[in-house]
Amino acid sequence: MTATILAIVASLVTFVFVFLLLRRGVLREKYAVLWLLVSGVALVLALIPGALRWVADILGVQTPSNLLFFVTVVLLVLVSVQLSYELSRHEMRIRRLAEEVALLHRRLDDQHRDD
């Protein structure tokens, strides 16, 4: 029973924390949706302990905790890949902007020399 209460409290704290970050504008909506969904699923699994065993039985996994760990690892890998993609995209944008600023500085310097 203590583990169930701990899981409920953890999922509610995560939900409230993500919601507050979203409200303050610290976290963007596209990221908040994922974490709100994860905390919602965690809350459902905490409130209905047999649900995880039912899903594990359907998928043929012997131990429900193994299924939970597997899904968690897959989720973290997907989040990591997505964040790497975003980082790469932003690095390309920053590089392009830096090159444009350098070209503009060069033009300004050339114009000042001509004057």
PDB file of N, CA and C in Angstrom:
ATOM      1  N   MET A   1       0.816  -1.207   0.000  1.00  0.00           N
ATOM      2  CA  MET A   1       0.000   0.000   0.000  1.00  0.00           C
ATOM      3  C   MET A   1       0.857   1.266   0.000  1.00  0.00           C
ATOM      4  N   THR A   2       1.997   1.236   0.691  1.00  0.00           N
ATOM      5  CA  THR A   2       2.879   2.392   0.752  1.00  0.00           C
ATOM      6  C   THR A   2       3.454   2.724  -0.622  1.00  0.00           C
ATOM      7  N   ALA A   3       3.798   1.700  -1.400  1.00  0.00           N
ATOM      8  CA  ALA A   3       4.331   1.930  -2.745  1.00  0.00           C
ATOM      9  C   ALA A   3       3.272   2.579  -3.635  1.00  0.00           C
ATOM     10  N   THR A   4       2.022   2.189  -3.469  1.00  0.00           N
ATOM     11  CA  THR A   4       0.936   2.780  -4.250  1.00  0.00           C
ATOM     12  C   THR A   4       0.780   4.256  -3.917  1.00  0.00           C
ATOM     13  N   ILE A   5       0.804   4.577  -2.641  1.00  0.00           N
ATOM     14  CA  ILE A   5       0.685   5.983  -2.233  1.00  0.00           C
ATOM     15  C   ILE A   5       1.876   6.788  -2.735  1.00  0.00           C
ATOM     16  N   LEU A   6       3.059   6.224  -2.647  1.00  0.00           N
ATOM     17  CA  LEU A   6       4.263   6.898  -3.142  1.00  0.00           C
ATOM     18  C   LEU A   6       4.167   7.152  -4.651  1.00  0.00           C
ATOM     19  N   ALA A   7       3.677   6.158  -5.392  1.00  0.00           N
ATOM     20  CA  ALA A   7       3.528   6.310  -6.845  1.00  0.00           C
ATOM     21  C   ALA A   7       2.486   7.373  -7.177  1.00  0.00           C
ATOM     22  N   ILE A   8       1.396   7.409  -6.429  1.00  0.00           N
ATOM     23  CA  ILE A   8       0.356   8.420  -6.666  1.00  0.00           C
ATOM     24  C   ILE A   8       0.913   9.812  -6.388  1.00  0.00           C
ATOM     25  N   VAL A   9       1.592   9.963  -5.268  1.00  0.00           N
ATOM     26  CA  VAL A   9       2.160  11.269  -4.905  1.00  0.00           C
ATOM     27  C   VAL A   9       3.204  11.701  -5.932  1.00  0.00           C
ATOM     28  N   ALA A  10       4.070  10.786  -6.352  1.00  0.00           N
ATOM     29  CA  ALA A  10       5.112  11.127  -7.334  1.00  0.00           C
ATOM     30  C   ALA A  10       4.502  11.559  -8.661  1.00  0.00           C
ATOM     31  N   SER A  11       3.488  10.854  -9.119  1.00  0.00           N
ATOM     32  CA  SER A  11       2.874  11.230 -10.403  1.00  0.00           C
ATOM     33  C   SER A  11       2.134  12.556 -10.288  1.00  0.00           C
ATOM     34  N   LEU A  12       1.480  12.804  -9.159  1.00  0.00           N
ATOM     35  CA  LEU A  12       0.795  14.091  -8.982  1.00  0.00           C
ATOM     36  C   LEU A  12       1.791  15.244  -8.872  1.00  0.00           C
ATOM     37  N   VAL A  13       2.885  15.028  -8.155  1.00  0.00           N
ATOM     38  CA  VAL A  13       3.915  16.074  -8.044  1.00  0.00           C
ATOM     39  C   VAL A  13       4.513  16.373  -9.419  1.00  0.00           C
ATOM     40  N   THR A  14       4.771  15.337 -10.202  1.00  0.00           N
ATOM     41  CA  THR A  14       5.305  15.528 -11.555  1.00  0.00           C
ATOM     42  C   THR A  14       4.317  16.298 -12.419  1.00  0.00           C
ATOM     43  N   PHE A  15       3.046  15.933 -12.328  1.00  0.00           N
ATOM     44  CA  PHE A  15       2.008  16.609 -13.113  1.00  0.00           C
ATOM     45  C   PHE A  15       1.940  18.089 -12.749  1.00  0.00           C
ATOM     46  N   VAL A  16       1.901  18.391 -11.452  1.00  0.00           N
ATOM     47  CA  VAL A  16       1.814  19.785 -10.999  1.00  0.00           C
ATOM     48  C   VAL A  16       3.075  20.558 -11.385  1.00  0.00           C
ATOM     49  N   PHE A  17       4.251  19.945 -11.221  1.00  0.00           N
ATOM     50  CA  PHE A  17       5.514  20.601 -11.566  1.00  0.00           C
ATOM     51  C   PHE A  17       5.556  20.970 -13.050  1.00  0.00           C
ATOM     52  N   VAL A  18       5.192  20.027 -13.909  1.00  0.00           N
ATOM     53  CA  VAL A  18       5.195  20.289 -15.357  1.00  0.00           C
ATOM     54  C   VAL A  18       4.163  21.361 -15.696  1.00  0.00           C
ATOM     55  N   PHE A  19       3.000  21.286 -15.067  1.00  0.00           N
ATOM     56  CA  PHE A  19       1.958  22.285 -15.314  1.00  0.00           C
ATOM     57  C   PHE A  19       2.428  23.680 -14.914  1.00  0.00           C
ATOM     58  N   LEU A  20       3.100  23.792 -13.767  1.00  0.00           N
ATOM     59  CA  LEU A  20       3.612  25.096 -13.338  1.00  0.00           C
ATOM     60  C   LEU A  20       4.687  25.618 -14.275  1.00  0.00           C
ATOM     61  N   LEU A  21       5.583  24.743 -14.735  1.00  0.00           N
ATOM     62  CA  LEU A  21       6.596  25.163 -15.704  1.00  0.00           C
ATOM     63  C   LEU A  21       5.951  25.639 -16.995  1.00  0.00           C
ATOM     64  N   LEU A  22       4.906  24.968 -17.398  1.00  0.00           N
ATOM     65  CA  LEU A  22       4.182  25.354 -18.613  1.00  0.00           C
ATOM     66  C   LEU A  22       3.511  26.708 -18.429  1.00  0.00           C
ATOM     67  N   ARG A  23       2.908  26.918 -17.272  1.00  0.00           N
ATOM     68  CA  ARG A  23       2.226  28.184 -17.001  1.00  0.00           C
ATOM     69  C   ARG A  23       3.177  29.368 -16.955  1.00  0.00           C
ATOM     70  N   ARG A  24       4.367  29.146 -16.413  1.00  0.00           N
ATOM     71  CA  ARG A  24       5.369  30.215 -16.333  1.00  0.00           C
ATOM     72  C   ARG A  24       6.050  30.481 -17.669  1.00  0.00           C
ATOM     73  N   GLY A  25       5.844  29.611 -18.625  1.00  0.00           N
ATOM     74  CA  GLY A  25       6.475  29.778 -19.926  1.00  0.00           C
ATOM     75  C   GLY A  25       7.879  29.224 -19.988  1.00  0.00           C
ATOM     76  N   VAL A  26       8.289  28.480 -18.979  1.00  0.00           N
ATOM     77  CA  VAL A  26       9.624  27.899 -18.945  1.00  0.00           C
ATOM     78  C   VAL A  26       9.694  26.674 -19.849  1.00  0.00           C
ATOM     79  N   LEU A  27       8.614  25.932 -19.920  1.00  0.00           N
ATOM     80  CA  LEU A  27       8.550  24.704 -20.712  1.00  0.00           C
ATOM     81  C   LEU A  27       7.563  24.918 -21.860  1.00  0.00           C
ATOM     82  N   ARG A  28       7.968  24.554 -23.056  1.00  0.00           N
ATOM     83  CA  ARG A  28       7.091  24.714 -24.211  1.00  0.00           C
ATOM     84  C   ARG A  28       6.049  23.611 -24.257  1.00  0.00           C
ATOM     85  N   GLU A  29       4.953  23.887 -24.934  1.00  0.00           N
ATOM     86  CA  GLU A  29       3.819  22.968 -24.970  1.00  0.00           C
ATOM     87  C   GLU A  29       4.172  21.612 -25.567  1.00  0.00           C
ATOM     88  N   LYS A  30       5.015  21.629 -26.603  1.00  0.00           N
ATOM     89  CA  LYS A  30       5.320  20.361 -27.269  1.00  0.00           C
ATOM     90  C   LYS A  30       6.063  19.398 -26.356  1.00  0.00           C
ATOM     91  N   TYR A  31       6.822  19.920 -25.384  1.00  0.00           N
ATOM     92  CA  TYR A  31       7.500  19.054 -24.423  1.00  0.00           C
ATOM     93  C   TYR A  31       6.583  18.723 -23.242  1.00  0.00           C
ATOM     94  N   ALA A  32       5.763  19.683 -22.859  1.00  0.00           N
ATOM     95  CA  ALA A  32       4.880  19.483 -21.707  1.00  0.00           C
ATOM     96  C   ALA A  32       3.870  18.377 -21.963  1.00  0.00           C
ATOM     97  N   VAL A  33       3.392  18.265 -23.181  1.00  0.00           N
ATOM     98  CA  VAL A  33       2.396  17.239 -23.497  1.00  0.00           C
ATOM     99  C   VAL A  33       2.937  15.846 -23.182  1.00  0.00           C
ATOM    100  N   LEU A  34       4.163  15.593 -23.571  1.00  0.00           N
ATOM    101  CA  LEU A  34       4.766  14.287 -23.311  1.00  0.00           C
ATOM    102  C   LEU A  34       4.849  14.002 -21.816  1.00  0.00           C
ATOM    103  N   TRP A  35       5.345  14.971 -21.037  1.00  0.00           N
ATOM    104  CA  TRP A  35       5.525  14.739 -19.609  1.00  0.00           C
ATOM    105  C   TRP A  35       4.196  14.682 -18.875  1.00  0.00           C
ATOM    106  N   LEU A  36       3.203  15.450 -19.325  1.00  0.00           N
ATOM    107  CA  LEU A  36       1.875  15.341 -18.721  1.00  0.00           C
ATOM    108  C   LEU A  36       1.255  13.983 -19.026  1.00  0.00           C
ATOM    109  N   LEU A  37       1.474  13.484 -20.227  1.00  0.00           N
ATOM    110  CA  LEU A  37       0.981  12.157 -20.590  1.00  0.00           C
ATOM    111  C   LEU A  37       1.660  11.074 -19.752  1.00  0.00           C
ATOM    112  N   VAL A  38       2.972  11.188 -19.581  1.00  0.00           N
ATOM    113  CA  VAL A  38       3.708  10.205 -18.773  1.00  0.00           C
ATOM    114  C   VAL A  38       3.214  10.216 -17.328  1.00  0.00           C
ATOM    115  N   SER A  39       3.039  11.405 -16.769  1.00  0.00           N
ATOM    116  CA  SER A  39       2.568  11.462 -15.380  1.00  0.00           C
ATOM    117  C   SER A  39       1.130  10.980 -15.267  1.00  0.00           C
ATOM    118  N   GLY A  40       0.310  11.218 -16.293  1.00  0.00           N
ATOM    119  CA  GLY A  40      -1.064  10.705 -16.293  1.00  0.00           C
ATOM    120  C   GLY A  40      -1.110   9.189 -16.341  1.00  0.00           C
ATOM    121  N   VAL A  41      -0.278   8.600 -17.195  1.00  0.00           N
ATOM    122  CA  VAL A  41      -0.209   7.131 -17.277  1.00  0.00           C
ATOM    123  C   VAL A  41       0.311   6.557 -15.958  1.00  0.00           C
ATOM    124  N   ALA A  42       1.295   7.209 -15.361  1.00  0.00           N
ATOM    125  CA  ALA A  42       1.819   6.754 -14.066  1.00  0.00           C
ATOM    126  C   ALA A  42       0.743   6.820 -12.995  1.00  0.00           C
ATOM    127  N   LEU A  43      -0.082   7.856 -13.037  1.00  0.00           N
ATOM    128  CA  LEU A  43      -1.169   7.975 -12.064  1.00  0.00           C
ATOM    129  C   LEU A  43      -2.192   6.864 -12.251  1.00  0.00           C
ATOM    130  N   VAL A  44      -2.545   6.587 -13.505  1.00  0.00           N
ATOM    131  CA  VAL A  44      -3.502   5.508 -13.777  1.00  0.00           C
ATOM    132  C   VAL A  44      -2.943   4.169 -13.307  1.00  0.00           C
ATOM    133  N   LEU A  45      -1.680   3.910 -13.600  1.00  0.00           N
ATOM    134  CA  LEU A  45      -1.064   2.657 -13.173  1.00  0.00           C
ATOM    135  C   LEU A  45      -0.959   2.561 -11.653  1.00  0.00           C
ATOM    136  N   ALA A  46      -0.797   3.708 -10.989  1.00  0.00           N
ATOM    137  CA  ALA A  46      -0.740   3.705  -9.528  1.00  0.00           C
ATOM    138  C   ALA A  46      -2.121   3.475  -8.924  1.00  0.00           C
ATOM    139  N   LEU A  47      -3.137   4.061  -9.543  1.00  0.00           N
ATOM    140  CA  LEU A  47      -4.499   3.915  -9.025  1.00  0.00           C
ATOM    141  C   LEU A  47      -5.093   2.542  -9.321  1.00  0.00           C
ATOM    142  N   ILE A  48      -4.682   1.944 -10.433  1.00  0.00           N
ATOM    143  CA  ILE A  48      -5.182   0.621 -10.831  1.00  0.00           C
ATOM    144  C   ILE A  48      -3.975  -0.309 -10.936  1.00  0.00           C
ATOM    145  N   PRO A  49      -3.535  -0.868  -9.806  1.00  0.00           N
ATOM    146  CA  PRO A  49      -2.319  -1.684  -9.817  1.00  0.00           C
ATOM    147  C   PRO A  49      -2.403  -2.897 -10.747  1.00  0.00           C
ATOM    148  N   GLY A  50      -3.577  -3.443 -10.974  1.00  0.00           N
ATOM    149  CA  GLY A  50      -3.716  -4.604 -11.837  1.00  0.00           C
ATOM    150  C   GLY A  50      -3.570  -4.286 -13.315  1.00  0.00           C
ATOM    151  N   ALA A  51      -3.616  -3.007 -13.657  1.00  0.00           N
ATOM    152  CA  ALA A  51      -3.538  -2.629 -15.072  1.00  0.00           C
ATOM    153  C   ALA A  51      -2.189  -2.999 -15.683  1.00  0.00           C
ATOM    154  N   LEU A  52      -1.128  -2.787 -14.944  1.00  0.00           N
ATOM    155  CA  LEU A  52       0.202  -3.110 -15.466  1.00  0.00           C
ATOM    156  C   LEU A  52       0.356  -4.618 -15.660  1.00  0.00           C
ATOM    157  N   ARG A  53      -0.154  -5.403 -14.719  1.00  0.00           N
ATOM    158  CA  ARG A  53      -0.098  -6.863 -14.865  1.00  0.00           C
ATOM    159  C   ARG A  53      -0.926  -7.301 -16.076  1.00  0.00           C
ATOM    160  N   TRP A  54      -2.086  -6.674 -16.286  1.00  0.00           N
ATOM    161  CA  TRP A  54      -2.946  -7.018 -17.420  1.00  0.00           C
ATOM    162  C   TRP A  54      -2.217  -6.740 -18.745  1.00  0.00           C
ATOM    163  N   VAL A  55      -1.579  -5.577 -18.839  1.00  0.00           N
ATOM    164  CA  VAL A  55      -0.836  -5.229 -20.060  1.00  0.00           C
ATOM    165  C   VAL A  55       0.354  -6.176 -20.239  1.00  0.00           C
ATOM    166  N   ALA A  56       1.032  -6.493 -19.150  1.00  0.00           N
ATOM    167  CA  ALA A  56       2.174  -7.411 -19.224  1.00  0.00           C
ATOM    168  C   ALA A  56       1.716  -8.797 -19.690  1.00  0.00           C
ATOM    169  N   ASP A  57       0.587  -9.247 -19.197  1.00  0.00           N
ATOM    170  CA  ASP A  57       0.057 -10.548 -19.625  1.00  0.00           C
ATOM    171  C   ASP A  57      -0.299 -10.540 -21.109  1.00  0.00           C
ATOM    172  N   ILE A  58      -0.901  -9.467 -21.573  1.00  0.00           N
ATOM    173  CA  ILE A  58      -1.269  -9.367 -22.998  1.00  0.00           C
ATOM    174  C   ILE A  58      -0.019  -9.406 -23.875  1.00  0.00           C
ATOM    175  N   LEU A  59       1.034  -8.724 -23.446  1.00  0.00           N
ATOM    176  CA  LEU A  59       2.270  -8.662 -24.239  1.00  0.00           C
ATOM    177  C   LEU A  59       3.189  -9.857 -24.007  1.00  0.00           C
ATOM    178  N   GLY A  60       2.855 -10.694 -23.040  1.00  0.00           N
ATOM    179  CA  GLY A  60       3.647 -11.880 -22.779  1.00  0.00           C
ATOM    180  C   GLY A  60       4.880 -11.630 -21.932  1.00  0.00           C
ATOM    181  N   VAL A  61       4.877 -10.565 -21.166  1.00  0.00           N
ATOM    182  CA  VAL A  61       5.988 -10.249 -20.277  1.00  0.00           C
ATOM    183  C   VAL A  61       5.678 -10.863 -18.919  1.00  0.00           C
ATOM    184  N   GLN A  62       6.624 -11.624 -18.366  1.00  0.00           N
ATOM    185  CA  GLN A  62       6.362 -12.338 -17.112  1.00  0.00           C
ATOM    186  C   GLN A  62       6.250 -11.413 -15.907  1.00  0.00           C
ATOM    187  N   THR A  63       7.134 -10.443 -15.818  1.00  0.00           N
ATOM    188  CA  THR A  63       7.137  -9.552 -14.662  1.00  0.00           C
ATOM    189  C   THR A  63       6.724  -8.144 -15.097  1.00  0.00           C
ATOM    190  N   PRO A  64       5.644  -7.617 -14.519  1.00  0.00           N
ATOM    191  CA  PRO A  64       5.190  -6.273 -14.909  1.00  0.00           C
ATOM    192  C   PRO A  64       6.252  -5.189 -14.724  1.00  0.00           C
ATOM    193  N   SER A  65       7.093  -5.324 -13.709  1.00  0.00           N
ATOM    194  CA  SER A  65       8.122  -4.301 -13.497  1.00  0.00           C
ATOM    195  C   SER A  65       9.126  -4.281 -14.653  1.00  0.00           C
ATOM    196  N   ASN A  66       9.383  -5.446 -15.259  1.00  0.00           N
ATOM    197  CA  ASN A  66      10.269  -5.478 -16.430  1.00  0.00           C
ATOM    198  C   ASN A  66       9.666  -4.691 -17.586  1.00  0.00           C
ATOM    199  N   LEU A  67       8.357  -4.832 -17.764  1.00  0.00           N
ATOM    200  CA  LEU A  67       7.669  -4.067 -18.810  1.00  0.00           C
ATOM    201  C   LEU A  67       7.775  -2.577 -18.525  1.00  0.00           C
ATOM    202  N   LEU A  68       7.581  -2.206 -17.272  1.00  0.00           N
ATOM    203  CA  LEU A  68       7.667  -0.797 -16.892  1.00  0.00           C
ATOM    204  C   LEU A  68       9.066  -0.241 -17.143  1.00  0.00           C
ATOM    205  N   PHE A  69      10.101  -0.996 -16.763  1.00  0.00           N
ATOM    206  CA  PHE A  69      11.477  -0.550 -17.008  1.00  0.00           C
ATOM    207  C   PHE A  69      11.776  -0.452 -18.502  1.00  0.00           C
ATOM    208  N   PHE A  70      11.299  -1.415 -19.276  1.00  0.00           N
ATOM    209  CA  PHE A  70      11.535  -1.394 -20.717  1.00  0.00           C
ATOM    210  C   PHE A  70      10.882  -0.167 -21.358  1.00  0.00           C
ATOM    211  N   VAL A  71       9.635   0.086 -21.004  1.00  0.00           N
ATOM    212  CA  VAL A  71       8.925   1.242 -21.564  1.00  0.00           C
ATOM    213  C   VAL A  71       9.613   2.536 -21.144  1.00  0.00           C
ATOM    214  N   THR A  72      10.081   2.589 -19.906  1.00  0.00           N
ATOM    215  CA  THR A  72      10.779   3.779 -19.422  1.00  0.00           C
ATOM    216  C   THR A  72      12.074   4.014 -20.187  1.00  0.00           C
ATOM    217  N   VAL A  73      12.843   2.958 -20.416  1.00  0.00           N
ATOM    218  CA  VAL A  73      14.098   3.091 -21.163  1.00  0.00           C
ATOM    219  C   VAL A  73      13.822   3.533 -22.597  1.00  0.00           C
ATOM    220  N   VAL A  74      12.820   2.941 -23.232  1.00  0.00           N
ATOM    221  CA  VAL A  74      12.470   3.335 -24.599  1.00  0.00           C
ATOM    222  C   VAL A  74      12.044   4.794 -24.635  1.00  0.00           C
ATOM    223  N   LEU A  75      11.252   5.217 -23.676  1.00  0.00           N
ATOM    224  CA  LEU A  75      10.813   6.604 -23.613  1.00  0.00           C
ATOM    225  C   LEU A  75      11.999   7.548 -23.441  1.00  0.00           C
ATOM    226  N   LEU A  76      12.920   7.210 -22.552  1.00  0.00           N
ATOM    227  CA  LEU A  76      14.091   8.064 -22.342  1.00  0.00           C
ATOM    228  C   LEU A  76      14.994   8.120 -23.572  1.00  0.00           C
ATOM    229  N   VAL A  77      15.122   7.021 -24.280  1.00  0.00           N
ATOM    230  CA  VAL A  77      15.921   7.016 -25.514  1.00  0.00           C
ATOM    231  C   VAL A  77      15.256   7.913 -26.560  1.00  0.00           C
ATOM    232  N   LEU A  78      13.937   7.805 -26.698  1.00  0.00           N
ATOM    233  CA  LEU A  78      13.227   8.644 -27.668  1.00  0.00           C
ATOM    234  C   LEU A  78      13.342  10.124 -27.315  1.00  0.00           C
ATOM    235  N   VAL A  79      13.228  10.464 -26.035  1.00  0.00           N
ATOM    236  CA  VAL A  79      13.382  11.851 -25.610  1.00  0.00           C
ATOM    237  C   VAL A  79      14.801  12.328 -25.902  1.00  0.00           C
ATOM    238  N   SER A  80      15.784  11.479 -25.648  1.00  0.00           N
ATOM    239  CA  SER A  80      17.180  11.840 -25.913  1.00  0.00           C
ATOM    240  C   SER A  80      17.417  12.089 -27.399  1.00  0.00           C
ATOM    241  N   VAL A  81      16.886  11.241 -28.244  1.00  0.00           N
ATOM    242  CA  VAL A  81      17.038  11.420 -29.693  1.00  0.00           C
ATOM    243  C   VAL A  81      16.355  12.703 -30.143  1.00  0.00           C
ATOM    244  N   GLN A  82      15.161  12.958 -29.621  1.00  0.00           N
ATOM    245  CA  GLN A  82      14.427  14.155 -30.004  1.00  0.00           C
ATOM    246  C   GLN A  82      15.171  15.412 -29.559  1.00  0.00           C
ATOM    247  N   LEU A  83      15.717  15.403 -28.355  1.00  0.00           N
ATOM    248  CA  LEU A  83      16.478  16.559 -27.878  1.00  0.00           C
ATOM    249  C   LEU A  83      17.772  16.740 -28.672  1.00  0.00           C
ATOM    250  N   SER A  84      18.396  15.649 -29.078  1.00  0.00           N
ATOM    251  CA  SER A  84      19.591  15.740 -29.917  1.00  0.00           C
ATOM    252  C   SER A  84      19.251  16.362 -31.263  1.00  0.00           C
ATOM    253  N   TYR A  85      18.112  15.984 -31.809  1.00  0.00           N
ATOM    254  CA  TYR A  85      17.651  16.569 -33.073  1.00  0.00           C
ATOM    255  C   TYR A  85      17.436  18.077 -32.915  1.00  0.00           C
ATOM    256  N   GLU A  86      16.745  18.465 -31.836  1.00  0.00           N
ATOM    257  CA  GLU A  86      16.491  19.888 -31.593  1.00  0.00           C
ATOM    258  C   GLU A  86      17.801  20.655 -31.420  1.00  0.00           C
ATOM    259  N   LEU A  87      18.735  20.071 -30.677  1.00  0.00           N
ATOM    260  CA  LEU A  87      20.027  20.717 -30.452  1.00  0.00           C
ATOM    261  C   LEU A  87      20.784  20.896 -31.767  1.00  0.00           C
ATOM    262  N   SER A  88      20.782  19.884 -32.598  1.00  0.00           N
ATOM    263  CA  SER A  88      21.463  19.980 -33.896  1.00  0.00           C
ATOM    264  C   SER A  88      20.835  21.064 -34.764  1.00  0.00           C
ATOM    265  N   ARG A  89      19.515  21.120 -34.748  1.00  0.00           N
ATOM    266  CA  ARG A  89      18.815  22.138 -35.531  1.00  0.00           C
ATOM    267  C   ARG A  89      19.174  23.541 -35.044  1.00  0.00           C
ATOM    268  N   HIS A  90      19.209  23.721 -33.726  1.00  0.00           N
ATOM    269  CA  HIS A  90      19.547  25.038 -33.182  1.00  0.00           C
ATOM    270  C   HIS A  90      21.003  25.391 -33.440  1.00  0.00           C
ATOM    271  N   GLU A  91      21.888  24.424 -33.388  1.00  0.00           N
ATOM    272  CA  GLU A  91      23.296  24.697 -33.694  1.00  0.00           C
ATOM    273  C   GLU A  91      23.455  25.180 -35.127  1.00  0.00           C
ATOM    274  N   MET A  92      22.723  24.570 -36.068  1.00  0.00           N
ATOM    275  CA  MET A  92      22.794  25.019 -37.464  1.00  0.00           C
ATOM    276  C   MET A  92      22.263  26.438 -37.602  1.00  0.00           C
ATOM    277  N   ARG A  93      21.171  26.748 -36.905  1.00  0.00           N
ATOM    278  CA  ARG A  93      20.611  28.101 -36.973  1.00  0.00           C
ATOM    279  C   ARG A  93      21.594  29.124 -36.392  1.00  0.00           C
ATOM    280  N   ILE A  94      22.202  28.794 -35.272  1.00  0.00           N
ATOM    281  CA  ILE A  94      23.148  29.712 -34.632  1.00  0.00           C
ATOM    282  C   ILE A  94      24.354  29.938 -35.538  1.00  0.00           C
ATOM    283  N   ARG A  95      24.841  28.879 -36.156  1.00  0.00           N
ATOM    284  CA  ARG A  95      25.982  29.021 -37.063  1.00  0.00           C
ATOM    285  C   ARG A  95      25.631  29.938 -38.241  1.00  0.00           C
ATOM    286  N   ARG A  96      24.435  29.721 -38.820  1.00  0.00           N
ATOM    287  CA  ARG A  96      24.013  30.545 -39.950  1.00  0.00           C
ATOM    288  C   ARG A  96      23.866  32.005 -39.530  1.00  0.00           C
ATOM    289  N   LEU A  97      23.281  32.238 -38.356  1.00  0.00           N
ATOM    290  CA  LEU A  97      23.136  33.609 -37.872  1.00  0.00           C
ATOM    291  C   LEU A  97      24.489  34.258 -37.609  1.00  0.00           C
ATOM    292  N   ALA A  98      25.417  33.515 -37.044  1.00  0.00           N
ATOM    293  CA  ALA A  98      26.758  34.057 -36.790  1.00  0.00           C
ATOM    294  C   ALA A  98      27.439  34.419 -38.102  1.00  0.00           C
ATOM    295  N   GLU A  99      27.270  33.582 -39.120  1.00  0.00           N
ATOM    296  CA  GLU A  99      27.864  33.884 -40.429  1.00  0.00           C
ATOM    297  C   GLU A  99      27.218  35.127 -41.039  1.00  0.00           C
ATOM    298  N   GLU A 100      25.899  35.268 -40.903  1.00  0.00           N
ATOM    299  CA  GLU A 100      25.226  36.449 -41.432  1.00  0.00           C
ATOM    300  C   GLU A 100      25.685  37.715 -40.714  1.00  0.00           C
ATOM    301  N   VAL A 101      25.847  37.639 -39.401  1.00  0.00           N
ATOM    302  CA  VAL A 101      26.327  38.795 -38.632  1.00  0.00           C
ATOM    303  C   VAL A 101      27.751  39.149 -39.055  1.00  0.00           C
ATOM    304  N   ALA A 102      28.572  38.152 -39.259  1.00  0.00           N
ATOM    305  CA  ALA A 102      29.949  38.417 -39.695  1.00  0.00           C
ATOM    306  C   ALA A 102      29.957  39.097 -41.062  1.00  0.00           C
ATOM    307  N   LEU A 103      29.094  38.636 -41.965  1.00  0.00           N
ATOM    308  CA  LEU A 103      29.016  39.274 -43.289  1.00  0.00           C
ATOM    309  C   LEU A 103      28.522  40.712 -43.182  1.00  0.00           C
ATOM    310  N   LEU A 104      27.567  40.965 -42.316  1.00  0.00           N
ATOM    311  CA  LEU A 104      27.068  42.329 -42.134  1.00  0.00           C
ATOM    312  C   LEU A 104      28.139  43.235 -41.536  1.00  0.00           C
ATOM    313  N   HIS A 105      28.887  42.719 -40.578  1.00  0.00           N
ATOM    314  CA  HIS A 105      30.004  43.498 -40.018  1.00  0.00           C
ATOM    315  C   HIS A 105      31.032  43.812 -41.095  1.00  0.00           C
ATOM    316  N   ARG A 106      31.296  42.859 -41.947  1.00  0.00           N
ATOM    317  CA  ARG A 106      32.268  43.063 -43.029  1.00  0.00           C
ATOM    318  C   ARG A 106      31.782  44.154 -43.972  1.00  0.00           C
ATOM    319  N   ARG A 107      30.471  44.140 -44.303  1.00  0.00           N
ATOM    320  CA  ARG A 107      29.919  45.177 -45.179  1.00  0.00           C
ATOM    321  C   ARG A 107      30.017  46.548 -44.528  1.00  0.00           C
ATOM    322  N   LEU A 108      29.697  46.616 -43.230  1.00  0.00           N
ATOM    323  CA  LEU A 108      29.789  47.897 -42.527  1.00  0.00           C
ATOM    324  C   LEU A 108      31.223  48.412 -42.504  1.00  0.00           C
ATOM    325  N   ASP A 109      32.159  47.516 -42.241  1.00  0.00           N
ATOM    326  CA  ASP A 109      33.570  47.924 -42.245  1.00  0.00           C
ATOM    327  C   ASP A 109      33.987  48.415 -43.626  1.00  0.00           C
ATOM    328  N   ASP A 110      33.542  47.727 -44.679  1.00  0.00           N
ATOM    329  CA  ASP A 110      33.876  48.137 -46.044  1.00  0.00           C
ATOM    330  C   ASP A 110      33.271  49.501 -46.352  1.00  0.00           C
ATOM    331  N   GLN A 111      32.045  49.743 -45.895  1.00  0.00           N
ATOM    332  CA  GLN A 111      31.402  51.039 -46.145  1.00  0.00           C
ATOM    333  C   GLN A 111      32.113  52.162 -45.397  1.00  0.00           C
ATOM    334  N   HIS A 112      32.560  51.892 -44.182  1.00  0.00           N
ATOM    335  CA  HIS A 112      33.270  52.928 -43.414  1.00  0.00           C
ATOM    336  C   HIS A 112      34.625  53.250 -44.028  1.00  0.00           C
ATOM    337  N   ARG A 113      35.264  52.277 -44.618  1.00  0.00           N
ATOM    338  CA  ARG A 113      36.551  52.514 -45.271  1.00  0.00           C
ATOM    339  C   ARG A 113      36.370  53.354 -46.534  1.00  0.00           C
ATOM    340  N   ASP A 114      35.250  53.114 -47.243  1.00  0.00           N
ATOM    341  CA  ASP A 114      34.986  53.858 -48.478  1.00  0.00           C
ATOM    342  C   ASP A 114      34.622  55.310 -48.187  1.00  0.00           C
ATOM    343  N   ASP A 115      34.088  55.589 -47.025  1.00  0.00           N
ATOM    344  CA  ASP A 115      33.667  56.971 -46.685  1.00  0.00           C
ATOM    345  C   ASP A 115      34.779  57.827 -46.261  1.00  0.00           C
TER     346      ASP A 115
END
